[in-house]
Structure formats: C-alpha cells, structure tokens
Amino acid sequence: MTFEQIVGSIKKREFKPIYFLHGTESYFIDAISDLIEDQLLTESEKAFNQLLLYGKDANHLDVIDQARRYPMMSRFQLVLLKEAQDMRSLKELEGYIATPTPTTVLVICHKHKKLNLNSAFGKKLKANAVVLESNPLYDNQVPDWIVKYLKGKKLSITPPAASIVAEYLGTDLSKVVNELDKLAINLAPGSEVTPREVELHIGISKDYNVFELQRAITQRDILKANRIVQYFSANPKKGPMQLVVSSLYNFFSKVYMLHFLRNLSDQEVLKLLNLRSAWFLKEYRLAARNFNKLKTEQMIDILKDYDLKSKGVGFNSTGKADGTLLKEMVWKLLHL
C-alpha cells in the first residue's frame, strides 16, 4: 500500500493487525506510527492497552508475549516496536505474523534501511501485514510534495516559494515539515504562501536566494547578481557554495537541453525537462534566448570547474574561501 492509502484507511478506522514500515525515509514511517497511536486508542484506553518496545532492548519473545495479550476495557491494544532494525531476533516473529492476534495492532518501525522482502520473513510480511517501503523523494519531487502537504493544512503556495523551500531544505522531509508547520501555525487557513511568507516565517530571504541569483544571471542583471553574491559571502549559511553551484548547474543543464527542443510543444518540453508548470518554462526560455548553445556550454564548464575548486579537488585546489570563489564564478558567468 502507498503512504496515502494507509493514512486514508487509518483515518477511516480500518485497522490491520500488523503494520511493517521500513526504508530509508524516516518521515513516512514516523507519520504512520504517530497516526495509529493517535487514532487507535483513547487517552484512557492507552494506560492499559499501549506498549512501546525498542528493538535494541527487546527480543521476539517480548514482542510475541505482549502481542498475544488481550485488551482491557478496549476493542484493541497497540504494540509499537520502534528501531526494529536493531532487534537481532526480528525474523523470529515469523510465526506470530502468520497468525496474529486480531485484537492487537502491532506496528513495526524498521528505519534507515530496507528489509529484503524476498526472504522467507519478508514473504510472510507481504502475505499477512500492511507493508510500506518508505523511500526518500528525489530533489525534483519535493516542491510538489510541499504543495500537497500545505494543501492538507488548508494553505496554497506559489511555485517560486515551493521551489525556494525545497532547494534550501533539501529532501529531509522531517526538516521540511518542521518548517512548513511554522507556516500553518502563523497563517490563516486559505492563505497563499509566497516568498515573502517564506522569508518571514522560515527565514529564507525572498530577495537574496539562489533563485533570484539565477534570475539575475539569466537577465544579465549585474548589479542585482553582485548584491546577492555579497549577501551570500557575508552570510555563508544562507547561500552555501555547493548549493549555489548545484542549483545553477541543474538550471543551465536544462537550458542546454532546451536548445534541442525548440520544435516541440510546451507540454512535450515540460515533460522532457521534468518541469512542474509553464511558469518555470518561461524562465528557461528567457535563459535560452540570452545564452545561445555555445555560451550555455561554456557556463556549464565554468560551473563544473568551480564545483571542483570549491571541493579542493586536484589541480583545481586554490585554497580560496567560498565567498571569493563565488564572486569569481558569477563574474565569469555574467561576462562570457
């Protein structure tokens, strides 16, 4: 089942005897575990019918002994097994998984790595449990995920604001959610999140960020680009060299591809470049007009060169501070 399907069934109070949540993205595992904990039992029922175990301190006999108990003054009991990847005898639960107690909901949280579902234990889980494989999102999936998450909080967000948040916070969804919840707390339902709200409540500048630098370079706005570079140099955590290089490289790589897609429709281009909307395509088309194919190639070469310099790789090692390298790089991009 998908994350959305599992969440939907829990909210309908359609509980299953066993949930096995595994994978490298902790957020989805924690979200489902927390939702079951919130929905299954009332506060008064939890005192006698909810137990938390940790894989490092428990073994399969502890889990089975608790799971075979019957609830007291409640329809269900809940057994949460956290950090199951640390339990050496985890596979010994196979017998219980084959014949679970219908009045027990056993939630197994197996974080940081996947379990081999082709093993005998894995096959038993697939046959008898709700299994979620929790995988991290790709970079280009995060903005859409942010839109969907905020929609659930009755907020909308503009494409630039979603992209700014995604670029600066990365794919760690627990970190992203922590910041998005600040928006939900501070904004009224029905509000639209713009870069201004992102700056005000999350702390990412609406004027001095990597997207504004990208736009300044695209428009050959030397004054604006220099202001942003000065801001990044004075505030390294606001615009780390690796973040800036990576973002610009991804952008101009797609601009380069766009030079070969001139005869295609917007919808075909959006699909091939993996862009979310026509709003973003305007930015790429402007860059393609201002930088022909040869100049785009040269820009990509400059970005590759400064990526290596910032990492101190081989002959590219300069010993210069990131702020100095950033100023050099942007100057070269603007004066091709």
Protein backbone atom coordinates (compact mmCIF):
# COMPACT_ATOMS: atom_id res chain seq x y z
CA MET A 1 0.00 0.00 0.00
CA THR A 2 1.08 3.58 -0.57
CA PHE A 3 1.52 6.09 2.22
CA GLU A 4 -1.68 7.89 1.19
CA GLN A 5 -3.68 4.65 1.11
CA ILE A 6 -2.50 3.64 4.58
CA VAL A 7 -3.25 7.07 6.02
CA GLY A 8 -6.71 7.02 4.43
CA SER A 9 -7.60 3.63 5.89
CA ILE A 10 -6.38 4.60 9.37
CA LYS A 11 -8.48 7.77 9.32
CA LYS A 12 -11.47 5.58 8.44
CA ARG A 13 -10.55 3.43 11.46
CA GLU A 14 -9.89 0.41 9.24
CA PHE A 15 -7.04 -1.02 11.31
CA LYS A 16 -4.99 -4.09 10.42
CA PRO A 17 -3.26 -6.47 12.88
CA ILE A 18 0.26 -5.78 11.61
CA TYR A 19 1.97 -2.77 10.01
CA PHE A 20 5.55 -3.19 8.81
CA LEU A 21 7.10 0.17 7.95
CA HIS A 22 10.63 0.04 6.52
CA GLY A 23 13.01 2.09 4.40
CA THR A 24 15.46 4.96 4.42
CA GLU A 25 12.99 7.88 4.74
CA SER A 26 12.07 8.18 8.40
CA TYR A 27 9.31 10.74 7.94
CA PHE A 28 6.72 8.40 6.38
CA ILE A 29 7.42 5.73 8.99
CA ASP A 30 7.02 8.17 11.89
CA ALA A 31 3.94 9.77 10.36
CA ILE A 32 2.03 6.47 10.10
CA SER A 33 3.19 5.24 13.50
CA ASP A 34 2.14 8.52 15.13
CA LEU A 35 -1.22 8.49 13.32
CA ILE A 36 -2.03 4.97 14.54
CA GLU A 37 -1.01 5.96 18.06
CA ASP A 38 -3.30 8.98 17.85
CA GLN A 39 -6.29 7.23 16.26
CA LEU A 40 -6.46 3.70 17.68
CA LEU A 41 -6.98 4.27 21.41
CA THR A 42 -8.47 6.98 23.58
CA GLU A 43 -6.29 8.55 26.26
CA SER A 44 -7.96 6.47 28.97
CA GLU A 45 -7.51 3.24 26.96
CA LYS A 46 -3.79 3.85 26.43
CA ALA A 47 -2.93 3.35 30.09
CA PHE A 48 -3.62 -0.40 29.91
CA ASN A 49 -3.52 -1.13 26.20
CA GLN A 50 -0.48 0.60 24.69
CA LEU A 51 3.10 -0.62 24.93
CA LEU A 52 6.28 0.77 23.42
CA LEU A 53 9.28 -1.51 22.79
CA TYR A 54 12.67 -0.80 21.24
CA GLY A 55 14.49 -3.30 19.08
CA LYS A 56 17.82 -2.83 20.85
CA ASP A 57 16.35 -3.78 24.24
CA ALA A 58 13.68 -6.30 23.23
CA ASN A 59 13.62 -9.72 21.59
CA HIS A 60 10.96 -11.59 19.65
CA LEU A 61 9.64 -13.34 22.79
CA ASP A 62 8.94 -9.98 24.45
CA VAL A 63 7.03 -8.80 21.38
CA ILE A 64 5.04 -12.02 20.99
CA ASP A 65 4.19 -12.17 24.70
CA GLN A 66 2.78 -8.66 24.61
CA ALA A 67 1.03 -9.09 21.26
CA ARG A 68 -0.79 -12.25 22.44
CA ARG A 69 -2.37 -10.41 25.37
CA TYR A 70 -5.98 -9.32 25.14
CA PRO A 71 -7.05 -5.70 25.57
CA MET A 72 -8.55 -4.43 28.83
CA MET A 73 -11.79 -2.46 28.52
CA SER A 74 -10.97 -1.68 24.91
CA ARG A 75 -11.53 -3.17 21.49
CA PHE A 76 -7.80 -3.10 20.63
CA GLN A 77 -4.38 -2.98 22.18
CA LEU A 78 -1.40 -1.31 20.49
CA VAL A 79 2.16 -2.66 20.49
CA LEU A 80 4.74 -0.32 18.97
CA LEU A 81 8.13 -1.81 18.08
CA LYS A 82 10.50 1.08 17.31
CA GLU A 83 14.02 0.74 15.85
CA ALA A 84 13.20 -2.81 14.78
CA GLN A 85 16.31 -2.90 12.59
CA ASP A 86 18.31 -3.27 15.84
CA MET A 87 16.46 -6.36 17.05
CA ARG A 88 18.58 -9.43 16.36
CA SER A 89 15.70 -11.88 16.58
CA LEU A 90 13.31 -9.88 14.40
CA LYS A 91 12.87 -12.73 11.92
CA GLU A 92 11.71 -14.97 14.76
CA LEU A 93 8.43 -13.05 14.66
CA GLU A 94 7.53 -15.04 11.54
CA GLY A 95 5.26 -17.40 13.49
CA TYR A 96 3.27 -14.55 15.03
CA ILE A 97 2.98 -12.76 11.70
CA ALA A 98 1.45 -15.90 10.19
CA THR A 99 -1.30 -15.96 12.84
CA PRO A 100 -1.60 -12.53 14.51
CA THR A 101 -3.99 -11.75 17.35
CA PRO A 102 -6.93 -9.89 15.76
CA THR A 103 -7.39 -7.56 18.77
CA THR A 104 -3.74 -6.42 18.69
CA VAL A 105 -2.33 -3.82 16.33
CA LEU A 106 1.41 -4.43 16.04
CA VAL A 107 3.38 -1.62 14.40
CA ILE A 108 6.97 -2.49 13.42
CA CYS A 109 9.18 0.50 12.54
CA HIS A 110 12.29 -0.63 10.66
CA LYS A 111 14.22 2.57 9.88
CA HIS A 112 17.27 3.60 7.84
CA LYS A 113 17.31 0.54 5.59
CA LYS A 114 15.01 -1.77 3.70
CA LEU A 115 14.22 -5.32 4.63
CA ASN A 116 14.65 -7.98 1.95
CA LEU A 117 11.02 -8.81 1.19
CA ASN A 118 12.08 -11.79 -0.91
CA SER A 119 13.30 -13.60 2.21
CA ALA A 120 11.01 -16.08 3.98
CA PHE A 121 10.31 -13.45 6.63
CA GLY A 122 9.65 -10.80 4.00
CA LYS A 123 7.24 -13.02 2.09
CA LYS A 124 5.34 -13.73 5.30
CA LEU A 125 5.04 -9.99 5.90
CA LYS A 126 3.78 -9.34 2.37
CA ALA A 127 1.12 -12.02 2.82
CA ASN A 128 -0.11 -11.01 6.27
CA ALA A 129 0.80 -7.38 7.02
CA VAL A 130 0.36 -3.88 5.68
CA VAL A 131 3.82 -3.14 4.30
CA LEU A 132 5.15 0.32 3.49
CA GLU A 133 8.51 0.80 1.78
CA SER A 134 9.48 4.32 2.78
CA ASN A 135 11.77 5.83 0.15
CA PRO A 136 13.23 9.36 0.08
CA LEU A 137 11.92 11.77 -2.52
CA TYR A 138 14.07 12.93 -5.42
CA ASP A 139 15.03 16.60 -5.40
CA ASN A 140 12.56 17.44 -8.16
CA GLN A 141 9.69 15.75 -6.29
CA VAL A 142 9.99 17.87 -3.14
CA PRO A 143 8.25 21.05 -4.44
CA ASP A 144 5.12 19.12 -5.45
CA TRP A 145 5.18 17.28 -2.13
CA ILE A 146 5.32 20.66 -0.34
CA VAL A 147 2.27 21.82 -2.32
CA LYS A 148 0.37 18.68 -1.34
CA TYR A 149 1.39 18.87 2.33
CA LEU A 150 0.32 22.50 2.66
CA LYS A 151 -2.95 21.75 0.88
CA GLY A 152 -3.67 19.34 3.72
CA LYS A 153 -3.08 22.28 6.06
CA LYS A 154 -5.55 24.39 4.00
CA LEU A 155 -2.79 26.56 2.58
CA SER A 156 -1.63 27.13 -1.01
CA ILE A 157 1.89 28.05 -2.07
CA THR A 158 3.25 29.76 -5.19
CA PRO A 159 5.68 27.82 -7.42
CA PRO A 160 8.64 30.14 -6.60
CA ALA A 161 8.02 29.80 -2.85
CA ALA A 162 7.77 25.99 -3.05
CA SER A 163 11.00 25.84 -5.05
CA ILE A 164 12.84 28.11 -2.62
CA VAL A 165 11.83 25.97 0.35
CA ALA A 166 12.72 22.73 -1.45
CA GLU A 167 16.11 23.99 -2.63
CA TYR A 168 17.19 25.27 0.76
CA LEU A 169 15.82 22.49 2.96
CA GLY A 170 16.57 19.54 0.68
CA THR A 171 14.93 16.11 0.81
CA ASP A 172 14.93 15.59 4.58
CA LEU A 173 11.14 15.62 4.97
CA SER A 174 11.19 15.79 8.75
CA LYS A 175 13.13 19.05 8.45
CA VAL A 176 10.83 20.32 5.69
CA VAL A 177 7.69 19.51 7.68
CA ASN A 178 9.06 21.25 10.75
CA GLU A 179 9.39 24.47 8.73
CA LEU A 180 6.08 24.09 6.88
CA ASP A 181 4.27 23.66 10.18
CA LYS A 182 5.53 27.13 11.15
CA LEU A 183 3.59 28.47 8.16
CA ALA A 184 0.47 26.56 9.18
CA ILE A 185 0.68 27.96 12.72
CA ASN A 186 1.22 31.56 11.65
CA LEU A 187 -1.07 31.83 8.61
CA ALA A 188 -4.85 31.72 8.47
CA PRO A 189 -6.49 28.82 6.56
CA GLY A 190 -6.92 29.70 2.90
CA SER A 191 -3.78 31.86 2.81
CA GLU A 192 -1.32 31.71 -0.08
CA VAL A 193 2.34 31.26 0.81
CA THR A 194 4.64 33.50 -1.23
CA PRO A 195 8.39 34.09 -0.93
CA ARG A 196 7.53 36.91 1.49
CA GLU A 197 5.87 34.49 3.95
CA VAL A 198 8.77 32.07 3.50
CA GLU A 199 11.19 34.81 4.49
CA LEU A 200 9.06 35.97 7.40
CA HIS A 201 8.28 32.60 8.98
CA ILE A 202 11.07 30.27 7.78
CA GLY A 203 13.91 32.75 7.40
CA ILE A 204 14.83 32.22 3.73
CA SER A 205 15.24 35.63 2.09
CA LYS A 206 12.82 36.42 -0.73
CA ASP A 207 15.36 38.75 -2.35
CA TYR A 208 18.66 37.03 -1.62
CA ASN A 209 18.33 33.40 -2.58
CA VAL A 210 19.71 31.12 -5.25
CA PHE A 211 16.64 31.55 -7.50
CA GLU A 212 16.99 35.31 -7.52
CA LEU A 213 20.68 34.87 -8.35
CA GLN A 214 19.70 32.50 -11.16
CA ARG A 215 17.20 35.06 -12.46
CA ALA A 216 19.76 37.89 -12.23
CA ILE A 217 22.28 35.87 -14.26
CA THR A 218 19.59 34.92 -16.80
CA GLN A 219 18.62 38.59 -17.22
CA ARG A 220 22.28 39.71 -17.14
CA ASP A 221 21.43 41.98 -14.23
CA ILE A 222 24.98 42.55 -12.99
CA LEU A 223 24.04 44.88 -10.14
CA LYS A 224 21.44 42.52 -8.67
CA ALA A 225 23.70 39.49 -9.06
CA ASN A 226 26.55 41.25 -7.26
CA ARG A 227 24.26 42.27 -4.39
CA ILE A 228 23.18 38.65 -3.92
CA VAL A 229 26.76 37.39 -4.10
CA GLN A 230 27.81 39.96 -1.49
CA TYR A 231 24.95 38.79 0.74
CA PHE A 232 25.97 35.14 0.35
CA SER A 233 29.62 35.99 1.07
CA ALA A 234 28.61 37.78 4.28
CA ASN A 235 26.11 35.03 5.23
CA PRO A 236 27.65 31.71 4.06
CA LYS A 237 24.88 29.59 5.58
CA LYS A 238 22.28 31.44 3.52
CA GLY A 239 23.95 30.55 0.22
CA PRO A 240 26.48 27.72 0.55
CA MET A 241 28.80 27.40 -2.46
CA GLN A 242 27.77 23.80 -3.15
CA LEU A 243 24.08 24.69 -3.06
CA VAL A 244 24.55 27.61 -5.45
CA VAL A 245 26.69 25.62 -7.91
CA SER A 246 24.33 22.63 -7.85
CA SER A 247 21.24 24.76 -8.43
CA LEU A 248 22.80 26.77 -11.26
CA TYR A 249 24.18 23.61 -12.87
CA ASN A 250 20.77 21.93 -12.83
CA PHE A 251 19.17 25.05 -14.30
CA PHE A 252 21.63 25.61 -17.14
CA SER A 253 21.79 21.91 -17.96
CA LYS A 254 18.08 22.12 -18.75
CA VAL A 255 18.61 25.36 -20.66
CA TYR A 256 21.15 23.47 -22.77
CA MET A 257 18.63 20.69 -23.41
CA LEU A 258 16.04 23.29 -24.36
CA HIS A 259 18.20 24.39 -27.31
CA PHE A 260 17.48 20.99 -28.87
CA LEU A 261 13.73 21.04 -28.17
CA ARG A 262 12.68 24.18 -29.99
CA ASN A 263 10.18 22.45 -32.30
CA LEU A 264 8.23 20.71 -29.54
CA SER A 265 5.07 21.86 -27.80
CA ASP A 266 5.18 23.31 -24.29
CA GLN A 267 3.65 20.16 -22.84
CA GLU A 268 6.27 17.96 -24.50
CA VAL A 269 9.08 20.24 -23.28
CA LEU A 270 7.70 20.29 -19.74
CA LYS A 271 7.67 16.51 -19.70
CA LEU A 272 11.16 16.08 -21.15
CA LEU A 273 12.71 18.69 -18.83
CA ASN A 274 10.72 17.38 -15.86
CA LEU A 275 9.34 20.84 -15.09
CA ARG A 276 6.27 21.34 -12.92
CA SER A 277 4.48 24.09 -14.83
CA ALA A 278 4.62 26.59 -17.69
CA TRP A 279 5.59 29.23 -15.13
CA PHE A 280 9.03 27.63 -14.83
CA LEU A 281 9.35 27.15 -18.58
CA LYS A 282 9.30 30.94 -19.07
CA GLU A 283 12.50 31.21 -17.04
CA TYR A 284 14.23 28.57 -19.13
CA ARG A 285 13.11 30.11 -22.42
CA LEU A 286 14.43 33.52 -21.34
CA ALA A 287 17.78 31.98 -20.46
CA ALA A 288 17.90 30.16 -23.80
CA ARG A 289 17.30 33.47 -25.61
CA ASN A 290 20.04 35.26 -23.69
CA PHE A 291 22.57 32.42 -23.86
CA ASN A 292 22.96 30.52 -27.10
CA LYS A 293 24.01 26.89 -27.22
CA LEU A 294 27.75 27.66 -27.20
CA LYS A 295 27.53 30.09 -24.29
CA THR A 296 25.38 27.65 -22.34
CA GLU A 297 28.08 25.00 -22.83
CA GLN A 298 30.67 27.49 -21.56
CA MET A 299 28.54 28.28 -18.50
CA ILE A 300 28.23 24.59 -17.66
CA ASP A 301 32.03 24.23 -17.97
CA ILE A 302 32.52 27.19 -15.59
CA LEU A 303 30.14 25.64 -13.07
CA LYS A 304 31.92 22.28 -13.27
CA ASP A 305 35.27 23.99 -12.77
CA TYR A 306 34.13 25.89 -9.69
CA ASP A 307 32.42 22.84 -8.28
CA LEU A 308 35.83 21.13 -8.27
CA LYS A 309 37.59 24.22 -6.90
CA SER A 310 35.14 24.50 -4.03
CA LYS A 311 35.85 20.87 -3.15
CA GLY A 312 39.62 21.35 -3.41
CA VAL A 313 39.98 18.59 -6.00
CA GLY A 314 43.39 18.02 -7.59
CA PHE A 315 44.85 20.83 -9.69
CA ASN A 316 41.68 22.84 -9.10
CA SER A 317 42.54 23.29 -5.43
CA THR A 318 43.04 27.01 -4.78
CA GLY A 319 42.70 27.42 -1.03
CA LYS A 320 40.38 30.37 -1.62
CA ALA A 321 37.35 30.96 0.59
CA ASP A 322 33.95 30.03 -0.82
CA GLY A 323 32.91 33.68 -0.91
CA THR A 324 35.85 34.56 -3.15
CA LEU A 325 35.20 31.58 -5.43
CA LEU A 326 31.52 32.53 -5.68
CA LYS A 327 32.36 36.08 -6.73
CA GLU A 328 34.81 34.82 -9.38
CA MET A 329 32.34 32.28 -10.72
CA VAL A 330 29.41 34.69 -11.03
CA TRP A 331 31.65 37.35 -12.65
CA LYS A 332 32.68 34.81 -15.30
CA LEU A 333 29.08 33.72 -15.88
CA LEU A 334 27.98 37.31 -16.39
CA HIS A 335 30.89 38.30 -18.66
CA LEU A 336 31.05 35.49 -21.18
